[in-house]
Structure formats: C-alpha cells, structure tokens
Amino acid sequence: MAWLVLVVAGFMESVWAIALSKSNGLRRLWPTVIFVVASVVSLGGLAVAMASIPTGTAYAVWTGIGAIITVIWALVMRQEKASTAKILLLIGLVGCVIGLKVMH
C-alpha cells in the first residue's frame, strides 16, 4: 500500500510542478489553487509512504516519478524539444525508479 501511495504522491508532484509553471508567479488563481492542493497531497503521500519505505528510497522514487512525468508532459505539450539523449535519460530514470522498488 505504501508503494501505491508513493506513486500517487510522485504523480501529484508533477501536477504541482506543472501548475506552478502555469501560475505566473502565483498570480493566476486556478493554477495556484491546483499547486497548493497538489503540494499538500504530494507531500502528505510522501510522509505516509516514508512510514514504511526508507527515506532515501522513498524520496528518490518520489522525485524520479515527478521528474519523469513532468518531462514527458513538457515533451507532449511541445514545451521542450525531444532528443535521443533526453529519451534515453528518461528511460534510464525509469529503470532507476523500478530498480529502487525491486531492491526494496
């Protein structure tokens, strides 16, 4: 159960990061509201997961999931350009997140 909570928390990390970028320095209401709510859910989920997953592993997986989803979103929305190196690095990051889960 802790791993499911951690995955959801990692997803919510990407939600707050994307909302923060859309908030125009916290000047736009709805992106700011989404940022605040997603931040609370994300950090709360991380805290819950850390009750049974070691801190280093939980934090690395949480940030990895958030980073992977955020970069994929930016690529899909064409806010960033895709490159072979970027795709290979994302695949490597996915492998590292999976590896941390398997090693736990």
N, C-alpha and C. Protein backbone atom coordinates (compact mmCIF):
# COMPACT_ATOMS: atom_id res chain seq x y z
N MET A 1 0.82 -1.20 0.00
CA MET A 1 0.00 0.00 0.00
C MET A 1 0.87 1.26 0.00
N ALA A 2 1.98 1.23 0.75
CA ALA A 2 2.85 2.40 0.81
C ALA A 2 3.41 2.75 -0.57
N TRP A 3 3.69 1.73 -1.37
CA TRP A 3 4.23 2.00 -2.71
C TRP A 3 3.18 2.65 -3.61
N LEU A 4 1.95 2.23 -3.50
CA LEU A 4 0.88 2.86 -4.28
C LEU A 4 0.73 4.33 -3.88
N VAL A 5 0.74 4.57 -2.58
CA VAL A 5 0.65 5.96 -2.08
C VAL A 5 1.83 6.77 -2.61
N LEU A 6 3.02 6.18 -2.62
CA LEU A 6 4.20 6.88 -3.11
C LEU A 6 4.10 7.20 -4.60
N VAL A 7 3.59 6.28 -5.38
CA VAL A 7 3.41 6.53 -6.82
C VAL A 7 2.42 7.67 -7.04
N VAL A 8 1.31 7.66 -6.32
CA VAL A 8 0.32 8.74 -6.45
C VAL A 8 0.94 10.07 -6.01
N ALA A 9 1.71 10.04 -4.92
CA ALA A 9 2.37 11.25 -4.44
C ALA A 9 3.36 11.78 -5.48
N GLY A 10 4.08 10.88 -6.14
CA GLY A 10 5.00 11.28 -7.20
C GLY A 10 4.28 11.89 -8.38
N PHE A 11 3.14 11.31 -8.73
CA PHE A 11 2.32 11.88 -9.80
C PHE A 11 1.85 13.29 -9.40
N MET A 12 1.43 13.44 -8.17
CA MET A 12 0.96 14.76 -7.70
C MET A 12 2.10 15.77 -7.65
N GLU A 13 3.33 15.28 -7.49
CA GLU A 13 4.47 16.20 -7.56
C GLU A 13 4.55 16.83 -8.94
N SER A 14 4.33 16.02 -9.97
CA SER A 14 4.36 16.58 -11.33
C SER A 14 3.19 17.53 -11.54
N VAL A 15 2.04 17.24 -10.94
CA VAL A 15 0.88 18.14 -11.06
C VAL A 15 1.21 19.49 -10.46
N TRP A 16 1.81 19.50 -9.24
CA TRP A 16 2.09 20.81 -8.65
C TRP A 16 3.19 21.54 -9.41
N ALA A 17 4.15 20.83 -9.96
CA ALA A 17 5.21 21.49 -10.73
C ALA A 17 4.65 22.14 -11.99
N ILE A 18 3.78 21.43 -12.67
CA ILE A 18 3.17 21.98 -13.89
C ILE A 18 2.26 23.15 -13.53
N ALA A 19 1.46 23.01 -12.47
CA ALA A 19 0.57 24.10 -12.05
C ALA A 19 1.38 25.33 -11.64
N LEU A 20 2.50 25.10 -10.96
CA LEU A 20 3.34 26.22 -10.55
C LEU A 20 3.87 26.97 -11.77
N SER A 21 4.25 26.23 -12.79
CA SER A 21 4.75 26.90 -14.00
C SER A 21 3.66 27.69 -14.71
N LYS A 22 2.42 27.25 -14.56
CA LYS A 22 1.28 27.94 -15.19
C LYS A 22 0.73 29.08 -14.34
N SER A 23 1.19 29.20 -13.09
CA SER A 23 0.60 30.16 -12.16
C SER A 23 1.10 31.59 -12.34
N ASN A 24 2.09 31.79 -13.19
CA ASN A 24 2.66 33.12 -13.42
C ASN A 24 3.12 33.74 -12.10
N GLY A 25 3.97 33.01 -11.39
CA GLY A 25 4.48 33.51 -10.12
C GLY A 25 3.41 33.59 -9.04
N LEU A 26 2.50 32.62 -9.04
CA LEU A 26 1.37 32.54 -8.10
C LEU A 26 0.40 33.71 -8.26
N ARG A 27 0.34 34.26 -9.47
CA ARG A 27 -0.58 35.37 -9.75
C ARG A 27 -1.89 34.93 -10.39
N ARG A 28 -1.93 33.70 -10.92
CA ARG A 28 -3.16 33.20 -11.55
C ARG A 28 -3.85 32.27 -10.56
N LEU A 29 -5.14 32.51 -10.32
CA LEU A 29 -5.87 31.84 -9.24
C LEU A 29 -5.89 30.32 -9.37
N TRP A 30 -6.44 29.78 -10.46
CA TRP A 30 -6.66 28.34 -10.53
C TRP A 30 -5.38 27.52 -10.58
N PRO A 31 -4.39 27.93 -11.35
CA PRO A 31 -3.13 27.18 -11.26
C PRO A 31 -2.52 27.24 -9.85
N THR A 32 -2.70 28.36 -9.16
CA THR A 32 -2.18 28.48 -7.80
C THR A 32 -2.93 27.56 -6.85
N VAL A 33 -4.25 27.48 -6.99
CA VAL A 33 -5.05 26.57 -6.15
C VAL A 33 -4.64 25.13 -6.41
N ILE A 34 -4.49 24.76 -7.68
CA ILE A 34 -4.07 23.40 -8.02
C ILE A 34 -2.69 23.13 -7.44
N PHE A 35 -1.79 24.10 -7.54
CA PHE A 35 -0.44 23.95 -6.97
C PHE A 35 -0.51 23.66 -5.48
N VAL A 36 -1.29 24.43 -4.73
CA VAL A 36 -1.37 24.27 -3.28
C VAL A 36 -1.96 22.91 -2.92
N VAL A 37 -3.07 22.55 -3.55
CA VAL A 37 -3.72 21.27 -3.23
C VAL A 37 -2.81 20.10 -3.60
N ALA A 38 -2.23 20.14 -4.79
CA ALA A 38 -1.36 19.05 -5.23
C ALA A 38 -0.11 18.95 -4.34
N SER A 39 0.40 20.09 -3.88
CA SER A 39 1.56 20.08 -2.98
C SER A 39 1.24 19.38 -1.66
N VAL A 40 0.08 19.71 -1.10
CA VAL A 40 -0.31 19.09 0.16
C VAL A 40 -0.50 17.59 -0.01
N VAL A 41 -1.19 17.19 -1.07
CA VAL A 41 -1.43 15.77 -1.33
C VAL A 41 -0.10 15.05 -1.58
N SER A 42 0.77 15.67 -2.38
CA SER A 42 2.05 15.06 -2.71
C SER A 42 2.93 14.88 -1.48
N LEU A 43 3.10 15.93 -0.71
CA LEU A 43 3.95 15.83 0.48
C LEU A 43 3.32 14.95 1.55
N GLY A 44 2.00 15.00 1.66
CA GLY A 44 1.32 14.12 2.61
C GLY A 44 1.49 12.66 2.24
N GLY A 45 1.37 12.36 0.95
CA GLY A 45 1.58 10.99 0.49
C GLY A 45 3.01 10.53 0.71
N LEU A 46 3.96 11.42 0.46
CA LEU A 46 5.36 11.08 0.72
C LEU A 46 5.56 10.77 2.20
N ALA A 47 4.97 11.57 3.06
CA ALA A 47 5.10 11.35 4.51
C ALA A 47 4.52 10.00 4.91
N VAL A 48 3.35 9.68 4.38
CA VAL A 48 2.71 8.40 4.69
C VAL A 48 3.59 7.24 4.20
N ALA A 49 4.10 7.35 2.99
CA ALA A 49 4.92 6.28 2.43
C ALA A 49 6.21 6.09 3.22
N MET A 50 6.76 7.19 3.74
CA MET A 50 8.01 7.10 4.50
C MET A 50 7.85 6.38 5.84
N ALA A 51 6.62 6.12 6.23
CA ALA A 51 6.41 5.35 7.46
C ALA A 51 6.87 3.91 7.28
N SER A 52 6.87 3.41 6.03
CA SER A 52 7.29 2.03 5.82
C SER A 52 8.33 1.84 4.71
N ILE A 53 8.67 2.90 4.02
CA ILE A 53 9.72 2.84 2.99
C ILE A 53 10.87 3.73 3.48
N PRO A 54 12.11 3.25 3.40
CA PRO A 54 13.23 4.08 3.85
C PRO A 54 13.24 5.46 3.18
N THR A 55 13.67 6.45 3.92
CA THR A 55 13.63 7.84 3.47
C THR A 55 14.32 8.04 2.13
N GLY A 56 15.54 7.57 1.99
CA GLY A 56 16.29 7.77 0.76
C GLY A 56 15.59 7.15 -0.44
N THR A 57 15.10 5.95 -0.28
CA THR A 57 14.40 5.26 -1.36
C THR A 57 13.10 5.98 -1.70
N ALA A 58 12.32 6.31 -0.68
CA ALA A 58 11.04 6.99 -0.91
C ALA A 58 11.25 8.32 -1.61
N TYR A 59 12.21 9.10 -1.13
CA TYR A 59 12.44 10.42 -1.72
C TYR A 59 12.93 10.31 -3.16
N ALA A 60 13.85 9.39 -3.42
CA ALA A 60 14.37 9.21 -4.78
C ALA A 60 13.28 8.77 -5.74
N VAL A 61 12.43 7.84 -5.31
CA VAL A 61 11.33 7.38 -6.16
C VAL A 61 10.33 8.51 -6.39
N TRP A 62 9.99 9.24 -5.34
CA TRP A 62 9.03 10.36 -5.42
C TRP A 62 9.50 11.42 -6.41
N THR A 63 10.76 11.84 -6.26
CA THR A 63 11.27 12.86 -7.18
C THR A 63 11.45 12.30 -8.59
N GLY A 64 11.84 11.04 -8.69
CA GLY A 64 12.00 10.43 -10.01
C GLY A 64 10.69 10.37 -10.77
N ILE A 65 9.64 9.90 -10.11
CA ILE A 65 8.33 9.83 -10.75
C ILE A 65 7.88 11.23 -11.16
N GLY A 66 8.02 12.19 -10.26
CA GLY A 66 7.63 13.56 -10.58
C GLY A 66 8.40 14.11 -11.76
N ALA A 67 9.70 13.87 -11.78
CA ALA A 67 10.53 14.37 -12.88
C ALA A 67 10.17 13.70 -14.21
N ILE A 68 9.98 12.40 -14.18
CA ILE A 68 9.64 11.66 -15.41
C ILE A 68 8.34 12.19 -16.01
N ILE A 69 7.32 12.28 -15.19
CA ILE A 69 6.01 12.72 -15.69
C ILE A 69 6.06 14.17 -16.16
N THR A 70 6.77 15.02 -15.42
CA THR A 70 6.86 16.44 -15.80
C THR A 70 7.56 16.61 -17.13
N VAL A 71 8.64 15.88 -17.34
CA VAL A 71 9.36 15.99 -18.62
C VAL A 71 8.52 15.43 -19.75
N ILE A 72 7.86 14.30 -19.53
CA ILE A 72 7.00 13.74 -20.58
C ILE A 72 5.89 14.72 -20.94
N TRP A 73 5.29 15.34 -19.93
CA TRP A 73 4.25 16.35 -20.17
C TRP A 73 4.80 17.50 -21.03
N ALA A 74 5.99 17.98 -20.68
CA ALA A 74 6.59 19.08 -21.43
C ALA A 74 6.89 18.67 -22.87
N LEU A 75 7.29 17.43 -23.08
CA LEU A 75 7.54 16.95 -24.43
C LEU A 75 6.24 16.84 -25.23
N VAL A 76 5.21 16.28 -24.61
CA VAL A 76 3.92 16.11 -25.29
C VAL A 76 3.31 17.48 -25.62
N MET A 77 3.44 18.43 -24.70
CA MET A 77 2.88 19.77 -24.91
C MET A 77 3.80 20.65 -25.78
N ARG A 78 4.90 20.06 -26.21
CA ARG A 78 5.88 20.74 -27.06
C ARG A 78 6.48 21.99 -26.40
N GLN A 79 6.61 21.92 -25.08
CA GLN A 79 7.29 22.99 -24.34
C GLN A 79 8.80 22.74 -24.32
N GLU A 80 9.18 21.50 -24.58
CA GLU A 80 10.58 21.11 -24.69
C GLU A 80 10.74 20.28 -25.96
N LYS A 81 11.94 20.32 -26.51
CA LYS A 81 12.22 19.52 -27.69
C LYS A 81 12.73 18.14 -27.27
N ALA A 82 12.22 17.13 -27.94
CA ALA A 82 12.69 15.77 -27.70
C ALA A 82 14.04 15.58 -28.39
N SER A 83 14.86 14.77 -27.77
CA SER A 83 16.13 14.37 -28.39
C SER A 83 16.39 12.93 -27.99
N THR A 84 17.23 12.29 -28.73
CA THR A 84 17.58 10.91 -28.42
C THR A 84 18.18 10.83 -27.02
N ALA A 85 19.05 11.76 -26.70
CA ALA A 85 19.68 11.75 -25.37
C ALA A 85 18.64 11.92 -24.27
N LYS A 86 17.70 12.83 -24.46
CA LYS A 86 16.68 13.07 -23.43
C LYS A 86 15.81 11.83 -23.23
N ILE A 87 15.42 11.19 -24.32
CA ILE A 87 14.60 9.97 -24.23
C ILE A 87 15.38 8.86 -23.54
N LEU A 88 16.64 8.67 -23.89
CA LEU A 88 17.46 7.64 -23.25
C LEU A 88 17.65 7.91 -21.76
N LEU A 89 17.84 9.17 -21.41
CA LEU A 89 17.98 9.53 -19.99
C LEU A 89 16.68 9.28 -19.23
N LEU A 90 15.55 9.58 -19.83
CA LEU A 90 14.26 9.28 -19.20
C LEU A 90 14.08 7.78 -18.99
N ILE A 91 14.45 7.00 -19.99
CA ILE A 91 14.37 5.55 -19.86
C ILE A 91 15.28 5.08 -18.72
N GLY A 92 16.46 5.66 -18.63
CA GLY A 92 17.36 5.33 -17.54
C GLY A 92 16.78 5.69 -16.18
N LEU A 93 16.12 6.84 -16.11
CA LEU A 93 15.49 7.26 -14.86
C LEU A 93 14.36 6.32 -14.46
N VAL A 94 13.57 5.91 -15.44
CA VAL A 94 12.51 4.92 -15.17
C VAL A 94 13.13 3.63 -14.64
N GLY A 95 14.21 3.20 -15.27
CA GLY A 95 14.91 1.99 -14.81
C GLY A 95 15.41 2.12 -13.39
N CYS A 96 15.91 3.29 -13.04
CA CYS A 96 16.40 3.52 -11.67
C CYS A 96 15.26 3.48 -10.66
N VAL A 97 14.13 4.09 -10.99
CA VAL A 97 12.97 4.08 -10.09
C VAL A 97 12.50 2.64 -9.89
N ILE A 98 12.39 1.89 -10.98
CA ILE A 98 11.98 0.48 -10.88
C ILE A 98 13.00 -0.31 -10.07
N GLY A 99 14.27 -0.04 -10.32
CA GLY A 99 15.32 -0.73 -9.58
C GLY A 99 15.25 -0.49 -8.08
N LEU A 100 14.96 0.74 -7.68
CA LEU A 100 14.80 1.03 -6.25
C LEU A 100 13.63 0.25 -5.65
N LYS A 101 12.55 0.13 -6.39
CA LYS A 101 11.40 -0.64 -5.91
C LYS A 101 11.79 -2.11 -5.76
N VAL A 102 12.45 -2.66 -6.78
CA VAL A 102 12.83 -4.08 -6.76
C VAL A 102 13.80 -4.35 -5.61
N MET A 103 14.72 -3.45 -5.36
CA MET A 103 15.72 -3.64 -4.30
C MET A 103 15.12 -3.48 -2.90
N HIS A 104 13.97 -2.85 -2.81
CA HIS A 104 13.34 -2.67 -1.50
C HIS A 104 12.71 -3.97 -1.11
